[in-house]
Amino acid sequence: MTDPRLPARFGFTLTRKVGNAVERNRVRRRMRAIAWELVHDGLSGRDIVVRGLPKSIGADWKVLHTELTSAVREGANTR
């Protein structure tokens, strides 16, 4: 378990099924920006691994932001 005083840490994994390297990196950068927002808003004391799925290539920013944020918030309620 991570120290609750430390900011949350995120890890991202995307397989080749998600797309070529350019597409995977674009999705990873977007998810990293969303994770930064969550940490900046005070998310702490957790290690979170995000698995990017092929649908994430076509997802616009708003959809990706909503999905990732809600998944992290739901995970917070299960602790």
Protein backbone atom coordinates (compact mmCIF):
# COMPACT_ATOMS: atom_id res chain seq x y z
CA MET A 1 0.00 0.00 0.00
CA THR A 2 1.17 3.46 -0.83
CA ASP A 3 1.59 6.19 1.74
CA PRO A 4 -1.69 8.18 1.77
CA ARG A 5 0.27 11.43 1.98
CA LEU A 6 1.98 10.83 -1.37
CA PRO A 7 0.34 11.66 -4.71
CA ALA A 8 -1.25 8.81 -6.65
CA ARG A 9 0.97 7.03 -9.16
CA PHE A 10 -0.30 5.97 -12.57
CA GLY A 11 0.96 3.36 -15.00
CA PHE A 12 -0.33 2.93 -18.54
CA THR A 13 -0.28 -0.08 -20.79
CA LEU A 14 -1.44 -0.23 -24.39
CA THR A 15 -0.96 -3.23 -26.66
CA ARG A 16 -0.46 -3.17 -30.41
CA LYS A 17 -4.17 -3.88 -30.79
CA VAL A 18 -4.70 -0.24 -29.84
CA GLY A 19 -2.93 0.90 -33.00
CA ASN A 20 0.48 1.84 -34.29
CA ALA A 21 3.09 3.57 -32.13
CA VAL A 22 1.88 7.07 -33.02
CA GLU A 23 -1.72 6.26 -32.04
CA ARG A 24 -0.69 4.47 -28.84
CA ASN A 25 1.50 7.38 -27.79
CA ARG A 26 -1.29 9.88 -28.49
CA VAL A 27 -3.69 7.91 -26.29
CA ARG A 28 -1.03 7.52 -23.60
CA ARG A 29 -0.33 11.29 -23.59
CA ARG A 30 -4.02 12.05 -23.23
CA MET A 31 -4.41 9.58 -20.36
CA ARG A 32 -1.29 10.98 -18.70
CA ALA A 33 -2.75 14.51 -18.89
CA ILE A 34 -5.99 13.30 -17.28
CA ALA A 35 -4.01 11.51 -14.56
CA TRP A 36 -2.06 14.71 -13.90
CA GLU A 37 -5.35 16.57 -13.43
CA LEU A 38 -6.55 13.95 -10.95
CA VAL A 39 -3.33 14.14 -8.94
CA HIS A 40 -3.40 17.94 -9.07
CA ASP A 41 -6.97 17.79 -7.70
CA GLY A 42 -5.71 15.85 -4.68
CA LEU A 43 -5.84 12.16 -5.57
CA SER A 44 -3.31 10.47 -3.33
CA GLY A 45 -2.24 7.25 -1.69
CA ARG A 46 -2.83 4.91 -4.64
CA ASP A 47 -1.12 3.05 -7.42
CA ILE A 48 -3.36 2.90 -10.50
CA VAL A 49 -2.73 0.92 -13.67
CA VAL A 50 -4.73 1.92 -16.75
CA ARG A 51 -5.10 -0.50 -19.64
CA GLY A 52 -5.91 1.26 -22.90
CA LEU A 53 -8.35 -0.59 -25.14
CA PRO A 54 -8.65 -0.31 -28.94
CA LYS A 55 -11.75 1.90 -28.64
CA SER A 56 -9.62 4.56 -26.97
CA ILE A 57 -8.07 5.52 -30.35
CA GLY A 58 -11.31 7.04 -31.62
CA ALA A 59 -12.40 8.53 -28.32
CA ASP A 60 -12.35 12.29 -28.13
CA TRP A 61 -10.91 14.12 -25.12
CA LYS A 62 -14.24 14.55 -23.32
CA VAL A 63 -15.16 10.85 -23.53
CA LEU A 64 -11.70 9.69 -22.48
CA HIS A 65 -11.66 12.17 -19.60
CA THR A 66 -15.11 11.10 -18.37
CA GLU A 67 -14.33 7.38 -18.60
CA LEU A 68 -10.97 7.56 -16.85
CA THR A 69 -12.13 9.96 -14.15
CA SER A 70 -15.23 7.92 -13.33
CA ALA A 71 -13.23 4.67 -13.25
CA VAL A 72 -10.74 6.17 -10.80
CA ARG A 73 -13.51 7.65 -8.64
CA GLU A 74 -15.42 4.32 -8.58
CA GLY A 75 -12.22 2.54 -7.60
CA ALA A 76 -11.82 5.00 -4.74
CA ASN A 77 -15.22 3.99 -3.37
CA THR A 78 -14.35 0.28 -3.32
CA ARG A 79 -11.48 0.69 -0.87
